Amino acid sequence: MVDRVTATDEALVLIEKLKDKFGPVMFHQSGGCCDGSSPMCYPDGDFRIGQSDVKLGDIGGSPFYMSKDQYNYWKHTQLIIDVVDGRGGMFSLEGPEGKRFLTRSRVFSEEERKQLT
């Protein structure tokens, strides 16, 4: 089965570091407001998930969500959460680490799309 969201090894290492520091964490793909369109990491439960959010899966044992409207644009792609040097969203937990999460994507193959439906 194919995952809708996955993470690079470097991202998984950073997730573990943040979990050691803050406890369980969660992710929400920002829709482009104040912090642009980036994956935001919060202490689990600090970001209120609502009926307009879709859970895409888990990365590093942490849930990953995005809004339904945004999901409709991205549903044909696999999200790959990566890490780069720099400052990310001011509300995301990785900021003080000098790193930021970044979403990369790739279009699902026809075979993968069949597995998703």
PDB file of N, CA and C in Angstrom:
ATOM      1  N   MET A   1       0.839  -1.182   0.000  1.00  0.00           N
ATOM      2  CA  MET A   1       0.000   0.000   0.000  1.00  0.00           C
ATOM      3  C   MET A   1       0.888   1.252   0.000  1.00  0.00           C
ATOM      4  N   VAL A   2       0.457   2.245  -0.699  1.00  0.00           N
ATOM      5  CA  VAL A   2       1.222   3.482  -0.825  1.00  0.00           C
ATOM      6  C   VAL A   2       0.747   4.494   0.224  1.00  0.00           C
ATOM      7  N   ASP A   3       1.686   5.263   0.752  1.00  0.00           N
ATOM      8  CA  ASP A   3       1.355   6.269   1.754  1.00  0.00           C
ATOM      9  C   ASP A   3       1.091   7.610   1.083  1.00  0.00           C
ATOM     10  N   ARG A   4       0.136   8.363   1.609  1.00  0.00           N
ATOM     11  CA  ARG A   4      -0.139   9.707   1.096  1.00  0.00           C
ATOM     12  C   ARG A   4       0.902  10.705   1.594  1.00  0.00           C
ATOM     13  N   VAL A   5       1.499  10.418   2.748  1.00  0.00           N
ATOM     14  CA  VAL A   5       2.545  11.287   3.294  1.00  0.00           C
ATOM     15  C   VAL A   5       3.650  10.395   3.842  1.00  0.00           C
ATOM     16  N   THR A   6       4.873  10.823   3.588  1.00  0.00           N
ATOM     17  CA  THR A   6       6.045  10.102   4.064  1.00  0.00           C
ATOM     18  C   THR A   6       7.091  11.132   4.477  1.00  0.00           C
ATOM     19  N   ALA A   7       8.197  10.681   5.032  1.00  0.00           N
ATOM     20  CA  ALA A   7       9.238  11.615   5.484  1.00  0.00           C
ATOM     21  C   ALA A   7      10.612  11.052   5.161  1.00  0.00           C
ATOM     22  N   THR A   8      11.538  11.954   4.903  1.00  0.00           N
ATOM     23  CA  THR A   8      12.919  11.553   4.668  1.00  0.00           C
ATOM     24  C   THR A   8      13.546  11.118   5.992  1.00  0.00           C
ATOM     25  N   ASP A   9      14.665  10.430   5.895  1.00  0.00           N
ATOM     26  CA  ASP A   9      15.373  10.009   7.111  1.00  0.00           C
ATOM     27  C   ASP A   9      15.742  11.211   7.973  1.00  0.00           C
ATOM     28  N   GLU A  10      16.203  12.296   7.338  1.00  0.00           N
ATOM     29  CA  GLU A  10      16.580  13.489   8.088  1.00  0.00           C
ATOM     30  C   GLU A  10      15.378  14.085   8.827  1.00  0.00           C
ATOM     31  N   ALA A  11      14.226  14.078   8.188  1.00  0.00           N
ATOM     32  CA  ALA A  11      13.013  14.580   8.847  1.00  0.00           C
ATOM     33  C   ALA A  11      12.639  13.690  10.027  1.00  0.00           C
ATOM     34  N   LEU A  12      12.769  12.383   9.857  1.00  0.00           N
ATOM     35  CA  LEU A  12      12.435  11.460  10.947  1.00  0.00           C
ATOM     36  C   LEU A  12      13.349  11.668  12.156  1.00  0.00           C
ATOM     37  N   VAL A  13      14.623  11.945  11.901  1.00  0.00           N
ATOM     38  CA  VAL A  13      15.564  12.229  13.000  1.00  0.00           C
ATOM     39  C   VAL A  13      15.124  13.488  13.747  1.00  0.00           C
ATOM     40  N   LEU A  14      14.757  14.532  13.018  1.00  0.00           N
ATOM     41  CA  LEU A  14      14.315  15.775  13.655  1.00  0.00           C
ATOM     42  C   LEU A  14      13.005  15.566  14.416  1.00  0.00           C
ATOM     43  N   ILE A  15      12.101  14.787  13.867  1.00  0.00           N
ATOM     44  CA  ILE A  15      10.843  14.496  14.575  1.00  0.00           C
ATOM     45  C   ILE A  15      11.139  13.826  15.907  1.00  0.00           C
ATOM     46  N   GLU A  16      12.029  12.856  15.914  1.00  0.00           N
ATOM     47  CA  GLU A  16      12.388  12.174  17.171  1.00  0.00           C
ATOM     48  C   GLU A  16      13.004  13.150  18.171  1.00  0.00           C
ATOM     49  N   LYS A  17      13.848  14.042  17.685  1.00  0.00           N
ATOM     50  CA  LYS A  17      14.464  15.048  18.560  1.00  0.00           C
ATOM     51  C   LYS A  17      13.381  15.942  19.180  1.00  0.00           C
ATOM     52  N   LEU A  18      12.415  16.353  18.370  1.00  0.00           N
ATOM     53  CA  LEU A  18      11.335  17.204  18.877  1.00  0.00           C
ATOM     54  C   LEU A  18      10.445  16.441  19.857  1.00  0.00           C
ATOM     55  N   LYS A  19      10.203  15.165  19.595  1.00  0.00           N
ATOM     56  CA  LYS A  19       9.392  14.351  20.515  1.00  0.00           C
ATOM     57  C   LYS A  19      10.110  14.172  21.849  1.00  0.00           C
ATOM     58  N   ASP A  20      11.431  14.010  21.809  1.00  0.00           N
ATOM     59  CA  ASP A  20      12.203  13.899  23.055  1.00  0.00           C
ATOM     60  C   ASP A  20      12.098  15.183  23.871  1.00  0.00           C
ATOM     61  N   LYS A  21      12.049  16.299  23.181  1.00  0.00           N
ATOM     62  CA  LYS A  21      12.021  17.609  23.829  1.00  0.00           C
ATOM     63  C   LYS A  21      10.616  18.015  24.296  1.00  0.00           C
ATOM     64  N   PHE A  22       9.599  17.742  23.443  1.00  0.00           N
ATOM     65  CA  PHE A  22       8.246  18.256  23.701  1.00  0.00           C
ATOM     66  C   PHE A  22       7.189  17.192  23.966  1.00  0.00           C
ATOM     67  N   GLY A  23       7.535  15.926  23.822  1.00  0.00           N
ATOM     68  CA  GLY A  23       6.531  14.875  23.925  1.00  0.00           C
ATOM     69  C   GLY A  23       5.905  14.646  22.549  1.00  0.00           C
ATOM     70  N   PRO A  24       4.757  13.969  22.501  1.00  0.00           N
ATOM     71  CA  PRO A  24       4.124  13.683  21.214  1.00  0.00           C
ATOM     72  C   PRO A  24       3.873  14.964  20.417  1.00  0.00           C
ATOM     73  N   VAL A  25       4.057  14.862  19.090  1.00  0.00           N
ATOM     74  CA  VAL A  25       3.838  16.008  18.207  1.00  0.00           C
ATOM     75  C   VAL A  25       2.856  15.631  17.107  1.00  0.00           C
ATOM     76  N   MET A  26       2.379  16.652  16.421  1.00  0.00           N
ATOM     77  CA  MET A  26       1.476  16.471  15.290  1.00  0.00           C
ATOM     78  C   MET A  26       1.865  17.468  14.207  1.00  0.00           C
ATOM     79  N   PHE A  27       1.386  17.231  12.990  1.00  0.00           N
ATOM     80  CA  PHE A  27       1.678  18.118  11.866  1.00  0.00           C
ATOM     81  C   PHE A  27       0.392  18.572  11.195  1.00  0.00           C
ATOM     82  N   HIS A  28       0.423  19.802  10.703  1.00  0.00           N
ATOM     83  CA  HIS A  28      -0.651  20.317   9.863  1.00  0.00           C
ATOM     84  C   HIS A  28       0.000  21.074   8.717  1.00  0.00           C
ATOM     85  N   GLN A  29      -0.368  20.714   7.504  1.00  0.00           N
ATOM     86  CA  GLN A  29       0.164  21.401   6.325  1.00  0.00           C
ATOM     87  C   GLN A  29      -0.472  22.772   6.243  1.00  0.00           C
ATOM     88  N   SER A  30       0.341  23.800   6.411  1.00  0.00           N
ATOM     89  CA  SER A  30      -0.145  25.166   6.357  1.00  0.00           C
ATOM     90  C   SER A  30      -0.702  25.458   4.974  1.00  0.00           C
ATOM     91  N   GLY A  31      -1.768  26.240   4.938  1.00  0.00           N
ATOM     92  CA  GLY A  31      -2.426  26.555   3.677  1.00  0.00           C
ATOM     93  C   GLY A  31      -1.962  27.834   3.031  1.00  0.00           C
ATOM     94  N   GLY A  32      -0.888  28.426   3.481  1.00  0.00           N
ATOM     95  CA  GLY A  32      -0.348  29.582   2.801  1.00  0.00           C
ATOM     96  C   GLY A  32      -0.635  30.909   3.461  1.00  0.00           C
ATOM     97  N   CYS A  33      -1.035  30.920   4.697  1.00  0.00           N
ATOM     98  CA  CYS A  33      -1.307  32.181   5.397  1.00  0.00           C
ATOM     99  C   CYS A  33       0.011  32.778   5.882  1.00  0.00           C
ATOM    100  N   CYS A  34       0.101  33.046   7.145  1.00  0.00           N
ATOM    101  CA  CYS A  34       1.239  33.752   7.738  1.00  0.00           C
ATOM    102  C   CYS A  34       2.586  33.074   7.483  1.00  0.00           C
ATOM    103  N   ASP A  35       2.626  31.767   7.564  1.00  0.00           N
ATOM    104  CA  ASP A  35       3.887  31.048   7.439  1.00  0.00           C
ATOM    105  C   ASP A  35       4.049  30.376   6.081  1.00  0.00           C
ATOM    106  N   GLY A  36       3.329  30.838   5.083  1.00  0.00           N
ATOM    107  CA  GLY A  36       3.441  30.233   3.771  1.00  0.00           C
ATOM    108  C   GLY A  36       2.756  28.885   3.733  1.00  0.00           C
ATOM    109  N   SER A  37       3.183  28.041   2.849  1.00  0.00           N
ATOM    110  CA  SER A  37       2.620  26.702   2.730  1.00  0.00           C
ATOM    111  C   SER A  37       3.685  25.710   3.147  1.00  0.00           C
ATOM    112  N   SER A  38       3.740  25.445   4.423  1.00  0.00           N
ATOM    113  CA  SER A  38       4.762  24.548   4.943  1.00  0.00           C
ATOM    114  C   SER A  38       4.151  23.632   5.991  1.00  0.00           C
ATOM    115  N   PRO A  39       4.786  22.486   6.220  1.00  0.00           N
ATOM    116  CA  PRO A  39       4.294  21.606   7.278  1.00  0.00           C
ATOM    117  C   PRO A  39       4.645  22.211   8.636  1.00  0.00           C
ATOM    118  N   MET A  40       3.657  22.377   9.448  1.00  0.00           N
ATOM    119  CA  MET A  40       3.843  22.967  10.770  1.00  0.00           C
ATOM    120  C   MET A  40       3.794  21.863  11.819  1.00  0.00           C
ATOM    121  N   CYS A  41       4.739  21.876  12.741  1.00  0.00           N
ATOM    122  CA  CYS A  41       4.831  20.877  13.800  1.00  0.00           C
ATOM    123  C   CYS A  41       4.436  21.514  15.123  1.00  0.00           C
ATOM    124  N   TYR A  42       3.509  20.880  15.822  1.00  0.00           N
ATOM    125  CA  TYR A  42       2.985  21.379  17.099  1.00  0.00           C
ATOM    126  C   TYR A  42       3.018  20.269  18.145  1.00  0.00           C
ATOM    127  N   PRO A  43       3.039  20.632  19.427  1.00  0.00           N
ATOM    128  CA  PRO A  43       2.803  19.601  20.437  1.00  0.00           C
ATOM    129  C   PRO A  43       1.437  18.974  20.142  1.00  0.00           C
ATOM    130  N   ASP A  44       1.347  17.674  20.260  1.00  0.00           N
ATOM    131  CA  ASP A  44       0.102  16.984  19.928  1.00  0.00           C
ATOM    132  C   ASP A  44      -1.058  17.583  20.711  1.00  0.00           C
ATOM    133  N   GLY A  45      -2.083  17.998  19.997  1.00  0.00           N
ATOM    134  CA  GLY A  45      -3.266  18.584  20.608  1.00  0.00           C
ATOM    135  C   GLY A  45      -3.258  20.100  20.665  1.00  0.00           C
ATOM    136  N   ASP A  46      -2.122  20.741  20.399  1.00  0.00           N
ATOM    137  CA  ASP A  46      -2.059  22.208  20.455  1.00  0.00           C
ATOM    138  C   ASP A  46      -2.699  22.883  19.250  1.00  0.00           C
ATOM    139  N   PHE A  47      -2.790  22.162  18.136  1.00  0.00           N
ATOM    140  CA  PHE A  47      -3.476  22.704  16.968  1.00  0.00           C
ATOM    141  C   PHE A  47      -4.828  22.010  16.899  1.00  0.00           C
ATOM    142  N   ARG A  48      -5.863  22.786  16.848  1.00  0.00           N
ATOM    143  CA  ARG A  48      -7.206  22.219  16.872  1.00  0.00           C
ATOM    144  C   ARG A  48      -7.596  21.682  15.489  1.00  0.00           C
ATOM    145  N   ILE A  49      -7.793  20.387  15.410  1.00  0.00           N
ATOM    146  CA  ILE A  49      -8.221  19.732  14.174  1.00  0.00           C
ATOM    147  C   ILE A  49      -9.743  19.782  14.126  1.00  0.00           C
ATOM    148  N   GLY A  50     -10.273  20.150  12.956  1.00  0.00           N
ATOM    149  CA  GLY A  50     -11.717  20.264  12.816  1.00  0.00           C
ATOM    150  C   GLY A  50     -12.257  19.396  11.694  1.00  0.00           C
ATOM    151  N   GLN A  51     -13.535  19.560  11.436  1.00  0.00           N
ATOM    152  CA  GLN A  51     -14.197  18.777  10.393  1.00  0.00           C
ATOM    153  C   GLN A  51     -13.668  19.114   9.009  1.00  0.00           C
ATOM    154  N   SER A  52     -13.024  20.254   8.869  1.00  0.00           N
ATOM    155  CA  SER A  52     -12.491  20.641   7.563  1.00  0.00           C
ATOM    156  C   SER A  52     -11.057  20.163   7.357  1.00  0.00           C
ATOM    157  N   ASP A  53     -10.569  19.272   8.224  1.00  0.00           N
ATOM    158  CA  ASP A  53      -9.216  18.739   8.100  1.00  0.00           C
ATOM    159  C   ASP A  53      -9.257  17.249   7.771  1.00  0.00           C
ATOM    160  N   VAL A  54      -8.245  16.809   7.015  1.00  0.00           N
ATOM    161  CA  VAL A  54      -8.116  15.422   6.594  1.00  0.00           C
ATOM    162  C   VAL A  54      -6.806  14.879   7.144  1.00  0.00           C
ATOM    163  N   LYS A  55      -6.863  13.700   7.758  1.00  0.00           N
ATOM    164  CA  LYS A  55      -5.627  13.048   8.202  1.00  0.00           C
ATOM    165  C   LYS A  55      -5.071  12.255   7.022  1.00  0.00           C
ATOM    166  N   LEU A  56      -3.837  12.602   6.611  1.00  0.00           N
ATOM    167  CA  LEU A  56      -3.206  11.917   5.482  1.00  0.00           C
ATOM    168  C   LEU A  56      -2.457  10.665   5.911  1.00  0.00           C
ATOM    169  N   GLY A  57      -2.078  10.611   7.161  1.00  0.00           N
ATOM    170  CA  GLY A  57      -1.302   9.482   7.660  1.00  0.00           C
ATOM    171  C   GLY A  57      -0.451   9.921   8.823  1.00  0.00           C
ATOM    172  N   ASP A  58       0.606   9.169   9.063  1.00  0.00           N
ATOM    173  CA  ASP A  58       1.537   9.453  10.151  1.00  0.00           C
ATOM    174  C   ASP A  58       2.954   9.493   9.607  1.00  0.00           C
ATOM    175  N   ILE A  59       3.766  10.372  10.168  1.00  0.00           N
ATOM    176  CA  ILE A  59       5.203  10.376   9.888  1.00  0.00           C
ATOM    177  C   ILE A  59       5.923  10.345  11.228  1.00  0.00           C
ATOM    178  N   GLY A  60       6.847   9.437  11.368  1.00  0.00           N
ATOM    179  CA  GLY A  60       7.559   9.302  12.631  1.00  0.00           C
ATOM    180  C   GLY A  60       6.627   9.034  13.801  1.00  0.00           C
ATOM    181  N   GLY A  61       5.520   8.355  13.542  1.00  0.00           N
ATOM    182  CA  GLY A  61       4.549   8.067  14.596  1.00  0.00           C
ATOM    183  C   GLY A  61       3.698   9.257  14.978  1.00  0.00           C
ATOM    184  N   SER A  62       3.722  10.315  14.181  1.00  0.00           N
ATOM    185  CA  SER A  62       2.985  11.547  14.472  1.00  0.00           C
ATOM    186  C   SER A  62       1.955  11.815  13.371  1.00  0.00           C
ATOM    187  N   PRO A  63       0.735  12.167  13.744  1.00  0.00           N
ATOM    188  CA  PRO A  63      -0.307  12.395  12.739  1.00  0.00           C
ATOM    189  C   PRO A  63      -0.025  13.628  11.878  1.00  0.00           C
ATOM    190  N   PHE A  64      -0.458  13.548  10.619  1.00  0.00           N
ATOM    191  CA  PHE A  64      -0.251  14.618   9.649  1.00  0.00           C
ATOM    192  C   PHE A  64      -1.592  14.962   8.998  1.00  0.00           C
ATOM    193  N   TYR A  65      -1.985  16.234   9.091  1.00  0.00           N
ATOM    194  CA  TYR A  65      -3.278  16.704   8.594  1.00  0.00           C
ATOM    195  C   TYR A  65      -3.110  17.844   7.595  1.00  0.00           C
ATOM    196  N   MET A  66      -4.163  18.063   6.806  1.00  0.00           N
ATOM    197  CA  MET A  66      -4.285  19.265   5.983  1.00  0.00           C
ATOM    198  C   MET A  66      -5.773  19.534   5.783  1.00  0.00           C
ATOM    199  N   SER A  67      -6.083  20.762   5.377  1.00  0.00           N
ATOM    200  CA  SER A  67      -7.490  21.112   5.182  1.00  0.00           C
ATOM    201  C   SER A  67      -8.059  20.353   3.981  1.00  0.00           C
ATOM    202  N   LYS A  68      -9.363  20.089   4.005  1.00  0.00           N
ATOM    203  CA  LYS A  68     -10.022  19.387   2.898  1.00  0.00           C
ATOM    204  C   LYS A  68      -9.843  20.137   1.589  1.00  0.00           C
ATOM    205  N   ASP A  69      -9.991  21.458   1.614  1.00  0.00           N
ATOM    206  CA  ASP A  69      -9.845  22.238   0.391  1.00  0.00           C
ATOM    207  C   ASP A  69      -8.452  22.077  -0.203  1.00  0.00           C
ATOM    208  N   GLN A  70      -7.438  22.147   0.632  1.00  0.00           N
ATOM    209  CA  GLN A  70      -6.070  21.994   0.152  1.00  0.00           C
ATOM    210  C   GLN A  70      -5.835  20.553  -0.320  1.00  0.00           C
ATOM    211  N   TYR A  71      -6.394  19.602   0.402  1.00  0.00           N
ATOM    212  CA  TYR A  71      -6.263  18.192   0.022  1.00  0.00           C
ATOM    213  C   TYR A  71      -6.778  17.955  -1.402  1.00  0.00           C
ATOM    214  N   ASN A  72      -7.864  18.623  -1.765  1.00  0.00           N
ATOM    215  CA  ASN A  72      -8.418  18.446  -3.111  1.00  0.00           C
ATOM    216  C   ASN A  72      -7.422  18.827  -4.192  1.00  0.00           C
ATOM    217  N   TYR A  73      -6.519  19.749  -3.910  1.00  0.00           N
ATOM    218  CA  TYR A  73      -5.478  20.122  -4.867  1.00  0.00           C
ATOM    219  C   TYR A  73      -4.308  19.142  -4.865  1.00  0.00           C
ATOM    220  N   TRP A  74      -4.043  18.526  -3.711  1.00  0.00           N
ATOM    221  CA  TRP A  74      -2.849  17.692  -3.539  1.00  0.00           C
ATOM    222  C   TRP A  74      -3.131  16.190  -3.582  1.00  0.00           C
ATOM    223  N   LYS A  75      -4.393  15.789  -3.715  1.00  0.00           N
ATOM    224  CA  LYS A  75      -4.740  14.373  -3.557  1.00  0.00           C
ATOM    225  C   LYS A  75      -4.089  13.452  -4.587  1.00  0.00           C
ATOM    226  N   HIS A  76      -3.629  13.990  -5.693  1.00  0.00           N
ATOM    227  CA  HIS A  76      -2.980  13.176  -6.719  1.00  0.00           C
ATOM    228  C   HIS A  76      -1.470  13.042  -6.475  1.00  0.00           C
ATOM    229  N   THR A  77      -0.989  13.602  -5.367  1.00  0.00           N
ATOM    230  CA  THR A  77       0.443  13.569  -5.078  1.00  0.00           C
ATOM    231  C   THR A  77       0.742  12.936  -3.722  1.00  0.00           C
ATOM    232  N   GLN A  78       1.926  12.398  -3.630  1.00  0.00           N
ATOM    233  CA  GLN A  78       2.444  11.938  -2.346  1.00  0.00           C
ATOM    234  C   GLN A  78       3.255  13.088  -1.764  1.00  0.00           C
ATOM    235  N   LEU A  79       2.994  13.425  -0.515  1.00  0.00           N
ATOM    236  CA  LEU A  79       3.768  14.463   0.160  1.00  0.00           C
ATOM    237  C   LEU A  79       4.977  13.811   0.821  1.00  0.00           C
ATOM    238  N   ILE A  80       6.129  14.403   0.607  1.00  0.00           N
ATOM    239  CA  ILE A  80       7.374  13.912   1.188  1.00  0.00           C
ATOM    240  C   ILE A  80       7.915  15.030   2.070  1.00  0.00           C
ATOM    241  N   ILE A  81       7.888  14.806   3.374  1.00  0.00           N
ATOM    242  CA  ILE A  81       8.333  15.826   4.314  1.00  0.00           C
ATOM    243  C   ILE A  81       9.835  15.696   4.487  1.00  0.00           C
ATOM    244  N   ASP A  82      10.510  16.813   4.241  1.00  0.00           N
ATOM    245  CA  ASP A  82      11.965  16.859   4.293  1.00  0.00           C
ATOM    246  C   ASP A  82      12.371  17.958   5.279  1.00  0.00           C
ATOM    247  N   VAL A  83      13.665  18.109   5.481  1.00  0.00           N
ATOM    248  CA  VAL A  83      14.209  19.126   6.375  1.00  0.00           C
ATOM    249  C   VAL A  83      15.318  19.860   5.636  1.00  0.00           C
ATOM    250  N   VAL A  84      15.329  21.182   5.782  1.00  0.00           N
ATOM    251  CA  VAL A  84      16.413  22.000   5.228  1.00  0.00           C
ATOM    252  C   VAL A  84      16.878  22.967   6.310  1.00  0.00           C
ATOM    253  N   ASP A  85      18.071  23.507   6.136  1.00  0.00           N
ATOM    254  CA  ASP A  85      18.573  24.514   7.064  1.00  0.00           C
ATOM    255  C   ASP A  85      17.762  25.801   6.906  1.00  0.00           C
ATOM    256  N   GLY A  86      17.584  26.512   7.990  1.00  0.00           N
ATOM    257  CA  GLY A  86      16.890  27.791   7.943  1.00  0.00           C
ATOM    258  C   GLY A  86      15.752  27.861   8.941  1.00  0.00           C
ATOM    259  N   ARG A  87      15.128  29.009   8.972  1.00  0.00           N
ATOM    260  CA  ARG A  87      14.018  29.232   9.887  1.00  0.00           C
ATOM    261  C   ARG A  87      12.710  28.989   9.152  1.00  0.00           C
ATOM    262  N   GLY A  88      11.847  28.234   9.766  1.00  0.00           N
ATOM    263  CA  GLY A  88      10.543  27.953   9.182  1.00  0.00           C
ATOM    264  C   GLY A  88       9.476  28.819   9.800  1.00  0.00           C
ATOM    265  N   GLY A  89       8.293  28.256   9.899  1.00  0.00           N
ATOM    266  CA  GLY A  89       7.170  28.974  10.476  1.00  0.00           C
ATOM    267  C   GLY A  89       7.427  29.323  11.927  1.00  0.00           C
ATOM    268  N   MET A  90       7.050  30.513  12.303  1.00  0.00           N
ATOM    269  CA  MET A  90       7.349  30.972  13.657  1.00  0.00           C
ATOM    270  C   MET A  90       6.620  30.189  14.738  1.00  0.00           C
ATOM    271  N   PHE A  91       5.556  29.476  14.374  1.00  0.00           N
ATOM    272  CA  PHE A  91       4.813  28.706  15.367  1.00  0.00           C
ATOM    273  C   PHE A  91       5.183  27.228  15.362  1.00  0.00           C
ATOM    274  N   SER A  92       6.039  26.810  14.446  1.00  0.00           N
ATOM    275  CA  SER A  92       6.408  25.411  14.318  1.00  0.00           C
ATOM    276  C   SER A  92       7.578  25.096  15.252  1.00  0.00           C
ATOM    277  N   LEU A  93       7.536  23.926  15.873  1.00  0.00           N
ATOM    278  CA  LEU A  93       8.498  23.562  16.924  1.00  0.00           C
ATOM    279  C   LEU A  93       9.952  23.488  16.471  1.00  0.00           C
ATOM    280  N   GLU A  94      10.215  23.248  15.194  1.00  0.00           N
ATOM    281  CA  GLU A  94      11.599  23.052  14.763  1.00  0.00           C
ATOM    282  C   GLU A  94      12.377  24.350  14.597  1.00  0.00           C
ATOM    283  N   GLY A  95      11.716  25.488  14.623  1.00  0.00           N
ATOM    284  CA  GLY A  95      12.369  26.777  14.403  1.00  0.00           C
ATOM    285  C   GLY A  95      13.644  26.993  15.187  1.00  0.00           C
ATOM    286  N   PRO A  96      13.642  26.800  16.498  1.00  0.00           N
ATOM    287  CA  PRO A  96      14.856  27.030  17.283  1.00  0.00           C
ATOM    288  C   PRO A  96      16.008  26.061  16.964  1.00  0.00           C
ATOM    289  N   GLU A  97      15.723  25.000  16.236  1.00  0.00           N
ATOM    290  CA  GLU A  97      16.754  24.023  15.882  1.00  0.00           C
ATOM    291  C   GLU A  97      17.589  24.480  14.688  1.00  0.00           C
ATOM    292  N   GLY A  98      17.203  25.600  14.057  1.00  0.00           N
ATOM    293  CA  GLY A  98      17.922  26.056  12.871  1.00  0.00           C
ATOM    294  C   GLY A  98      17.573  25.259  11.628  1.00  0.00           C
ATOM    295  N   LYS A  99      16.484  24.532  11.708  1.00  0.00           N
ATOM    296  CA  LYS A  99      15.995  23.693  10.608  1.00  0.00           C
ATOM    297  C   LYS A  99      14.545  24.058  10.352  1.00  0.00           C
ATOM    298  N   ARG A 100      14.059  23.675   9.166  1.00  0.00           N
ATOM    299  CA  ARG A 100      12.631  23.827   8.906  1.00  0.00           C
ATOM    300  C   ARG A 100      12.156  22.659   8.076  1.00  0.00           C
ATOM    301  N   PHE A 101      10.934  22.242   8.352  1.00  0.00           N
ATOM    302  CA  PHE A 101      10.325  21.190   7.552  1.00  0.00           C
ATOM    303  C   PHE A 101       9.901  21.784   6.217  1.00  0.00           C
ATOM    304  N   LEU A 102       9.976  20.983   5.184  1.00  0.00           N
ATOM    305  CA  LEU A 102       9.645  21.400   3.835  1.00  0.00           C
ATOM    306  C   LEU A 102       8.856  20.276   3.168  1.00  0.00           C
ATOM    307  N   THR A 103       7.805  20.627   2.444  1.00  0.00           N
ATOM    308  CA  THR A 103       7.021  19.622   1.735  1.00  0.00           C
ATOM    309  C   THR A 103       7.478  19.536   0.290  1.00  0.00           C
ATOM    310  N   ARG A 104       7.856  18.343  -0.093  1.00  0.00           N
ATOM    311  CA  ARG A 104       8.134  18.040  -1.492  1.00  0.00           C
ATOM    312  C   ARG A 104       6.988  17.123  -1.940  1.00  0.00           C
ATOM    313  N   SER A 105       6.794  16.983  -3.217  1.00  0.00           N
ATOM    314  CA  SER A 105       5.716  16.105  -3.666  1.00  0.00           C
ATOM    315  C   SER A 105       6.079  15.425  -4.969  1.00  0.00           C
ATOM    316  N   ARG A 106       5.381  14.356  -5.233  1.00  0.00           N
ATOM    317  CA  ARG A 106       5.501  13.670  -6.509  1.00  0.00           C
ATOM    318  C   ARG A 106       4.127  13.133  -6.871  1.00  0.00           C
ATOM    319  N   VAL A 107       3.841  13.087  -8.151  1.00  0.00           N
ATOM    320  CA  VAL A 107       2.546  12.604  -8.622  1.00  0.00           C
ATOM    321  C   VAL A 107       2.518  11.081  -8.491  1.00  0.00           C
ATOM    322  N   PHE A 108       1.402  10.565  -7.975  1.00  0.00           N
ATOM    323  CA  PHE A 108       1.244   9.113  -7.889  1.00  0.00           C
ATOM    324  C   PHE A 108       1.198   8.506  -9.281  1.00  0.00           C
ATOM    325  N   SER A 109       1.770   7.325  -9.415  1.00  0.00           N
ATOM    326  CA  SER A 109       1.657   6.586 -10.675  1.00  0.00           C
ATOM    327  C   SER A 109       0.229   6.052 -10.794  1.00  0.00           C
ATOM    328  N   GLU A 110      -0.125   5.608 -11.970  1.00  0.00           N
ATOM    329  CA  GLU A 110      -1.463   5.038 -12.181  1.00  0.00           C
ATOM    330  C   GLU A 110      -1.685   3.840 -11.258  1.00  0.00           C
ATOM    331  N   GLU A 111      -0.680   2.998 -11.126  1.00  0.00           N
ATOM    332  CA  GLU A 111      -0.775   1.828 -10.242  1.00  0.00           C
ATOM    333  C   GLU A 111      -0.988   2.252  -8.790  1.00  0.00           C
ATOM    334  N   GLU A 112      -0.257   3.263  -8.347  1.00  0.00           N
ATOM    335  CA  GLU A 112      -0.421   3.762  -6.978  1.00  0.00           C
ATOM    336  C   GLU A 112      -1.818   4.359  -6.772  1.00  0.00           C
ATOM    337  N   ARG A 113      -2.317   5.081  -7.752  1.00  0.00           N
ATOM    338  CA  ARG A 113      -3.668   5.662  -7.631  1.00  0.00           C
ATOM    339  C   ARG A 113      -4.719   4.579  -7.437  1.00  0.00           C
ATOM    340  N   LYS A 114      -4.550   3.451  -8.113  1.00  0.00           N
ATOM    341  CA  LYS A 114      -5.477   2.325  -7.957  1.00  0.00           C
ATOM    342  C   LYS A 114      -5.457   1.808  -6.522  1.00  0.00           C
ATOM    343  N   GLN A 115      -4.279   1.803  -5.914  1.00  0.00           N
ATOM    344  CA  GLN A 115      -4.153   1.335  -4.528  1.00  0.00           C
ATOM    345  C   GLN A 115      -4.815   2.287  -3.545  1.00  0.00           C
ATOM    346  N   LEU A 116      -4.892   3.565  -3.904  1.00  0.00           N
ATOM    347  CA  LEU A 116      -5.458   4.564  -3.002  1.00  0.00           C
ATOM    348  C   LEU A 116      -6.979   4.542  -2.964  1.00  0.00           C
ATOM    349  N   THR A 117      -7.614   4.098  -4.057  1.00  0.00           N
ATOM    350  CA  THR A 117      -9.083   4.157  -4.115  1.00  0.00           C
ATOM    351  C   THR A 117      -9.728   2.924  -3.544  1.00  0.00           C
TER     352      THR A 117
END
